[in-house]
Protein backbone atom coordinates (compact mmCIF):
# COMPACT_ATOMS: atom_id res chain seq x y z
CA UNK A 1 -0.13 -0.31 0.25
CA UNK A 2 1.08 3.35 -0.43
CA UNK A 3 0.56 5.75 2.27
CA UNK A 4 0.36 9.45 2.14
CA UNK A 5 1.49 11.15 5.71
CA UNK A 6 0.54 14.46 6.27
CA UNK A 7 2.48 16.22 9.04
CA UNK A 8 4.93 13.06 8.87
CA UNK A 9 8.44 15.23 9.52
CA UNK A 10 7.02 16.00 12.86
CA UNK A 11 7.62 14.33 16.39
CA UNK A 12 5.05 11.54 15.91
CA UNK A 13 4.90 11.62 12.55
CA UNK A 14 8.27 10.82 11.73
CA UNK A 15 8.15 8.00 13.92
CA UNK A 16 4.94 6.56 12.41
CA UNK A 17 6.92 6.81 9.10
CA UNK A 18 9.60 4.83 10.28
CA UNK A 19 7.32 2.11 11.38
CA UNK A 20 5.40 2.03 8.08
CA UNK A 21 8.50 1.50 6.35
CA UNK A 22 9.75 -1.27 8.46
CA UNK A 23 6.35 -2.93 7.56
CA UNK A 24 7.06 -2.66 3.70
CA UNK A 25 4.58 0.29 2.81
CA UNK A 26 5.34 2.63 0.41
CA UNK A 27 5.70 6.49 2.17
CA UNK A 28 5.11 9.90 0.88
CA UNK A 29 5.40 12.38 3.28
CA UNK A 30 3.63 15.91 3.12
CA UNK A 31 5.06 18.82 5.47
CA UNK A 32 5.15 22.49 5.38
CA UNK A 33 7.77 22.31 7.94
CA UNK A 34 6.77 24.64 10.30
CA UNK A 35 7.06 22.15 13.17
CA UNK A 36 8.77 19.65 11.53
CA UNK A 37 12.24 18.75 10.48
CA UNK A 38 13.21 17.49 6.99
CA UNK A 39 16.46 15.59 8.80
CA UNK A 40 13.46 12.94 10.65
CA UNK A 41 12.09 11.73 7.10
CA UNK A 42 15.68 11.82 5.67
CA UNK A 43 15.85 9.17 2.14
CA UNK A 44 12.01 9.33 2.26
CA UNK A 45 10.00 10.53 -0.46
CA UNK A 46 9.08 14.03 0.48
CA UNK A 47 6.75 17.27 -0.49
CA UNK A 48 6.65 20.22 1.00
CA UNK A 49 3.28 21.80 1.22
CA UNK A 50 0.56 22.74 3.08
CA UNK A 51 -2.99 21.33 3.70
CA UNK A 52 -4.43 24.91 3.47
CA UNK A 53 -3.22 24.97 -0.08
CA UNK A 54 -6.08 23.18 -1.77
CA UNK A 55 -4.58 23.20 -5.12
CA UNK A 56 -0.83 21.39 -3.91
CA UNK A 57 -2.89 19.06 -2.39
CA UNK A 58 -4.99 18.05 -5.73
CA UNK A 59 -1.03 18.17 -7.46
CA UNK A 60 0.22 15.14 -4.74
CA UNK A 61 -2.94 13.23 -5.12
CA UNK A 62 -2.94 13.73 -9.19
CA UNK A 63 0.51 12.57 -9.59
CA UNK A 64 0.75 10.04 -6.83
CA UNK A 65 -1.03 6.86 -6.07
CA UNK A 66 -2.42 7.21 -2.51
CA UNK A 67 -3.96 4.25 -1.11
CA UNK A 68 -4.71 5.83 2.27
CA UNK A 69 -3.56 8.93 4.34
CA UNK A 70 -2.49 9.40 7.67
CA UNK A 71 -2.83 12.67 9.08
CA UNK A 72 -0.82 14.42 11.71
CA UNK A 73 -0.22 18.07 9.91
CA UNK A 74 -1.87 20.22 13.19
CA UNK A 75 -1.47 23.05 15.05
CA UNK A 76 -1.13 21.49 18.84
CA UNK A 77 -0.26 24.05 21.31
CA UNK A 78 -2.98 24.79 23.93
CA UNK A 79 -1.44 28.03 24.95
CA UNK A 80 -1.02 29.31 21.69
CA UNK A 81 -4.62 28.33 20.50
CA UNK A 82 -6.21 30.29 23.32
CA UNK A 83 -4.25 33.25 22.11
CA UNK A 84 -4.53 32.51 18.58
CA UNK A 85 -7.60 30.34 17.82
CA UNK A 86 -8.17 31.36 14.04
CA UNK A 87 -4.83 30.09 13.23
CA UNK A 88 -5.97 26.89 14.77
CA UNK A 89 -9.37 26.53 12.82
CA UNK A 90 -7.87 27.55 9.75
CA UNK A 91 -5.08 24.81 10.00
CA UNK A 92 -6.66 22.02 11.80
CA UNK A 93 -10.44 22.25 10.56
CA UNK A 94 -10.30 24.18 7.15
CA UNK A 95 -6.81 22.14 6.50
CA UNK A 96 -8.43 18.80 7.24
CA UNK A 97 -11.37 19.60 5.34
CA UNK A 98 -9.30 20.74 2.22
CA UNK A 99 -7.56 17.38 2.36
CA UNK A 100 -10.80 15.08 2.92
CA UNK A 101 -12.34 16.91 0.01
CA UNK A 102 -8.80 16.07 -2.17
CA UNK A 103 -9.49 12.19 -0.92
CA UNK A 104 -13.06 12.17 -1.78
CA UNK A 105 -12.09 13.91 -5.39
CA UNK A 106 -9.18 11.00 -6.06
CA UNK A 107 -11.51 8.16 -4.65
CA UNK A 108 -8.97 7.57 -1.25
CA UNK A 109 -11.11 6.24 1.55
CA UNK A 110 -9.28 5.75 4.30
CA UNK A 111 -7.60 8.18 6.32
CA UNK A 112 -5.99 7.24 9.92
CA UNK A 113 -6.44 10.84 12.48
CA UNK A 114 -4.54 11.73 14.72
CA UNK A 115 -6.94 13.16 17.41
CA UNK A 116 -5.98 13.94 21.74
CA UNK A 117 -7.13 13.52 24.90
CA UNK A 118 -7.65 17.58 24.67
CA UNK A 119 -11.37 16.77 23.28
CA UNK A 120 -12.57 15.43 26.51
CA UNK A 121 -12.27 18.46 28.64
CA UNK A 122 -12.13 18.21 32.63
CA UNK A 123 -12.54 14.71 33.15
CA UNK A 124 -15.57 13.57 34.95
CA UNK A 125 -14.08 10.14 35.75
CA UNK A 126 -10.68 8.18 35.76
CA UNK A 127 -9.93 6.51 33.76
CA UNK A 128 -11.22 8.14 30.80
CA UNK A 129 -12.99 5.82 28.01
CA UNK A 130 -14.34 6.70 24.86
CA UNK A 131 -17.64 7.45 25.66
CA UNK A 132 -16.95 10.01 28.25
CA UNK A 133 -18.92 13.10 27.44
CA UNK A 134 -16.52 15.90 25.00
CA UNK A 135 -16.31 19.46 26.32
CA UNK A 136 -12.79 20.85 24.79
CA UNK A 137 -11.95 23.89 27.22
CA UNK A 138 -9.17 25.14 24.76
CA UNK A 139 -8.97 25.91 20.80
CA UNK A 140 -6.98 23.16 20.08
CA UNK A 141 -9.44 20.17 21.71
CA UNK A 142 -11.82 21.96 19.89
CA UNK A 143 -10.82 21.69 16.48
CA UNK A 144 -9.73 18.38 16.60
CA UNK A 145 -13.07 17.32 17.94
CA UNK A 146 -14.47 19.47 15.01
CA UNK A 147 -12.63 17.46 12.81
CA UNK A 148 -13.72 14.09 14.10
CA UNK A 149 -17.71 15.17 13.62
CA UNK A 150 -16.23 16.22 9.89
CA UNK A 151 -15.41 12.61 9.72
CA UNK A 152 -18.40 11.02 10.86
CA UNK A 153 -20.22 12.87 8.59
CA UNK A 154 -17.89 12.25 5.59
CA UNK A 155 -18.33 8.60 6.51
CA UNK A 156 -21.77 8.76 6.24
CA UNK A 157 -22.17 10.46 3.19
CA UNK A 158 -18.98 9.37 0.96
CA UNK A 159 -17.91 6.01 2.69
CA UNK A 160 -14.65 7.69 3.82
CA UNK A 161 -13.69 5.41 7.00
CA UNK A 162 -11.51 6.54 9.06
CA UNK A 163 -9.66 5.40 12.59
CA UNK A 164 -9.49 8.89 15.25
CA UNK A 165 -6.91 8.05 17.85
CA UNK A 166 -7.15 10.07 20.70
CA UNK A 167 -3.97 10.01 22.68
CA UNK A 168 -2.60 11.01 25.83
CA UNK A 169 0.80 12.58 26.37
CA UNK A 170 3.17 11.28 23.55
CA UNK A 171 6.87 10.49 25.22
CA UNK A 172 10.00 8.72 23.99
CA UNK A 173 12.35 8.12 21.33
CA UNK A 174 12.94 5.80 18.63
CA UNK A 175 15.30 3.26 20.37
CA UNK A 176 17.98 4.36 17.50
CA UNK A 177 18.34 7.60 18.97
CA UNK A 178 18.46 9.41 15.81
CA UNK A 179 14.68 11.16 15.39
CA UNK A 180 12.99 12.20 19.18
CA UNK A 181 11.06 15.22 20.21
CA UNK A 182 12.17 18.34 19.03
CA UNK A 183 9.75 21.27 19.29
CA UNK A 184 10.24 24.92 19.12
CA UNK A 185 9.07 26.22 21.90
CA UNK A 186 9.04 23.40 23.72
CA UNK A 187 6.02 22.74 26.64
CA UNK A 188 6.20 18.83 27.52
CA UNK A 189 7.46 17.80 30.89
CA UNK A 190 9.79 15.36 30.01
CA UNK A 191 12.05 17.07 26.88
CA UNK A 192 12.32 19.83 29.50
CA UNK A 193 13.02 17.64 32.42
CA UNK A 194 15.78 16.54 29.80
CA UNK A 195 17.05 19.58 29.12
CA UNK A 196 17.51 20.78 32.13
CA UNK A 197 19.63 18.05 33.19
CA UNK A 198 22.01 18.58 30.12
CA UNK A 199 22.19 22.30 31.31
CA UNK A 200 20.44 23.89 28.31
CA UNK A 201 17.72 25.10 30.88
CA UNK A 202 18.47 26.11 34.46
CA UNK A 203 15.53 24.54 35.95
CA UNK A 204 12.48 22.60 35.53
CA UNK A 205 9.09 24.65 36.95
CA UNK A 206 6.49 22.60 38.69
CA UNK A 207 3.01 23.94 38.79
CA UNK A 208 1.31 23.32 41.46
CA UNK A 209 2.00 21.09 44.52
CA UNK A 210 -1.80 20.91 45.96
CA UNK A 211 -3.39 18.73 44.05
CA UNK A 212 -5.32 16.02 45.28
CA UNK A 213 -2.99 13.48 44.13
CA UNK A 214 -0.18 11.32 46.54
CA UNK A 215 2.34 13.89 46.32
CA UNK A 216 0.22 16.96 45.51
CA UNK A 217 1.54 17.14 41.87
CA UNK A 218 -0.27 16.37 38.53
CA UNK A 219 -0.84 12.86 37.38
CA UNK A 220 -0.48 12.22 33.66
CA UNK A 221 -0.89 9.08 31.18
CA UNK A 222 2.40 8.84 29.30
CA UNK A 223 2.84 6.32 26.38
CA UNK A 224 5.90 5.82 23.64
CA UNK A 225 5.75 7.39 20.68
CA UNK A 226 6.42 3.96 19.10
CA UNK A 227 3.37 2.44 20.81
CA UNK A 228 1.42 4.98 19.31
CA UNK A 229 3.24 4.17 15.85
CA UNK A 230 1.88 0.59 16.33
CA UNK A 231 -1.44 1.41 17.15
CA UNK A 232 -1.93 3.63 13.51
CA UNK A 233 -0.41 0.48 11.68
CA UNK A 234 -2.99 -1.81 13.39
CA UNK A 235 -5.96 0.84 12.61
CA UNK A 236 -4.96 0.98 8.48
CA UNK A 237 -4.93 -2.90 8.57
CA UNK A 238 -8.24 -2.44 10.52
CA UNK A 239 -9.14 -0.49 7.64
CA UNK A 240 -7.93 -2.26 4.88
CA UNK A 241 -9.28 -5.52 6.26
CA UNK A 242 -13.23 -4.39 6.11
CA UNK A 243 -12.98 -2.35 9.40
CA UNK A 244 -15.46 -0.12 10.76
CA UNK A 245 -14.69 3.68 10.93
CA UNK A 246 -13.98 4.29 14.92
CA UNK A 247 -12.29 5.89 17.78
CA UNK A 248 -9.77 4.69 20.08
CA UNK A 249 -7.80 6.02 23.47
CA UNK A 250 -4.21 5.22 23.33
CA UNK A 251 -1.97 5.74 26.77
CA UNK A 252 -0.53 3.38 29.20
CA UNK A 253 -3.60 3.40 32.00
CA UNK A 254 -1.32 4.42 34.50
CA UNK A 255 -1.04 8.14 35.56
CA UNK A 256 2.60 9.34 37.09
CA UNK A 257 2.82 12.65 38.68
CA UNK A 258 5.32 15.58 37.89
CA UNK A 259 7.78 14.87 40.68
CA UNK A 260 7.60 11.39 39.60
CA UNK A 261 8.79 12.14 36.49
CA UNK A 262 11.51 14.42 37.59
CA UNK A 263 12.48 12.15 40.28
CA UNK A 264 12.83 9.21 37.31
CA UNK A 265 15.13 11.32 35.44
CA UNK A 266 17.21 11.95 38.00
CA UNK A 267 17.88 8.10 37.89
CA UNK A 268 18.03 7.78 34.40
CA UNK A 269 20.70 11.31 33.29
CA UNK A 270 22.72 10.41 37.14
CA UNK A 271 21.90 14.73 37.22
CA UNK A 272 20.42 16.53 39.96
CA UNK A 273 17.93 18.53 38.06
CA UNK A 274 16.89 21.58 39.68
CA UNK A 275 12.99 21.83 40.36
CA UNK A 276 11.08 25.04 41.46
CA UNK A 277 8.00 24.61 42.78
CA UNK A 278 5.19 27.50 41.57
CA UNK A 279 1.65 28.21 41.46
CA UNK A 280 -0.81 25.97 39.43
CA UNK A 281 -1.71 26.91 35.66
CA UNK A 282 -5.15 27.85 34.87
CA UNK A 283 -6.69 24.65 33.85
CA UNK A 284 -4.55 22.06 34.49
CA UNK A 285 -6.91 18.74 35.80
CA UNK A 286 -5.74 17.04 38.63
CA UNK A 287 -5.38 13.66 36.98
CA UNK A 288 -5.87 12.73 33.07
CA UNK A 289 -5.45 9.30 32.52
CA UNK A 290 -6.69 6.97 29.71
CA UNK A 291 -8.86 3.64 29.56
CA UNK A 292 -7.27 1.96 25.98
CA UNK A 293 -9.27 -1.14 26.64
CA UNK A 294 -11.33 -0.80 23.89
CA UNK A 295 -8.21 -0.85 21.48
CA UNK A 296 -6.46 -3.57 23.35
CA UNK A 297 -10.09 -5.54 22.91
CA UNK A 298 -10.50 -4.99 19.27
CA UNK A 299 -7.49 -4.56 17.70
CA UNK A 300 -4.86 -6.42 20.44
CA UNK A 301 -2.80 -3.39 20.64
CA UNK A 302 -0.69 -3.29 23.75
CA UNK A 303 1.96 -0.94 24.75
CA UNK A 304 5.42 -2.51 24.04
CA UNK A 305 6.94 0.53 26.39
CA UNK A 306 4.87 0.39 29.83
CA UNK A 307 7.79 1.74 32.24
CA UNK A 308 8.16 5.15 32.38
CA UNK A 309 11.85 4.29 33.40
CA UNK A 310 12.05 3.12 29.87
CA UNK A 311 10.27 5.67 28.36
CA UNK A 312 12.54 8.71 29.61
CA UNK A 313 15.61 6.54 28.67
CA UNK A 314 14.73 6.54 25.25
CA UNK A 315 13.93 10.17 24.99
CA UNK A 316 17.33 11.01 27.07
CA UNK A 317 19.47 8.76 24.47
CA UNK A 318 18.01 11.12 21.93
CA UNK A 319 18.32 14.34 24.09
CA UNK A 320 22.33 13.54 24.73
CA UNK A 321 23.12 12.81 20.84
CA UNK A 322 21.32 16.06 19.89
CA UNK A 323 21.54 18.92 22.75
CA UNK A 324 25.02 18.17 24.25
C-alpha cells in the first residue's frame, strides 16, 4: 500500500513513517516544515506543502498513487490556541476539510487521524473511556473534535472510512536515537526535564503542589511514541480488512506525577535536575489517565513501553545526541 503521511516530518509523524517503512509500506511525506524537520525523514519521498493549499493537495493526489492517508498536520500547543484561535481553526479544521475533499475527489477512502485527549476537557471520571462526554476547554481540543465530527459526516455521506486515535502524552524516542522530540518552543514535561539535565535550561518548574494526588502534583498518562506508531498501523490494517470507522483512546492506563517524572529523570540521567515549585496553571486538571481497553480488545494493541523509566531512557539517548 502507498501511504500519504501529512505532517510526517514532525515528532509523532516521523516515528510512524519509520514503522510504516519497516512494515513494508510505501510512504510519501507531506509537511510544511513549520514544526517538522526534514532530517527526521531523510531518504523518504517528500513534498513540501501545506494542507491549507487546496491546489498543492490536488497535485499530490493526482501525481501519486495513494491508497490511504495518515494525518498529523495540526497545530497542537494549547496556550497558543487560546491566544490564536483563528490560526488553529484555519489549519486544523479548514486544512483537514481540504484534505478530505482531495481524498474524496481522488477516491481515497481510508484515513488514520491523529486526535487528542483534549477533546474531553475536564474529566468527570478516571480512567477516561471513549464514551466520556466531550467538552474541550481550549481551541486546540475544539478543533480536533470538530474534525472528528466532520469525519463522521464524510463517512456517512461519502463512505470515507477513518480511525481516530485520541492520545494522551506522547513521549520517548526511537531506540536508534536518531529521531526524537524536537519542538520550538518546547512545552512538554519530559523533554523540558531532560534539557534541564543537560544544562540547556537552568531549572524545571513544577506548576502546583497542592493537587488532590499522592504527592500534590498533577498525574498524567505517558505513552511511548513507538507504541502510538503501532496503533496507527493497526488502525490502518483494520480499515484495510473492512473494519468499521471508529475512535480509540491511546494511553498506558497509569498516571505518573510531575515529581515522579523528575525523580525518574534524575535516576536515568544521573543529574541533580534543579526543580522549582510555583503556582498552578489555569486549566490543569489534577489527573488525566486513559482507558485503552477498547483498542486492546478490538485490535489487540499492547504498549511495548509500559515502564516510565524505559520511556525516559529512550528520550534521554536522543537528547544527549542532539543537545550536548
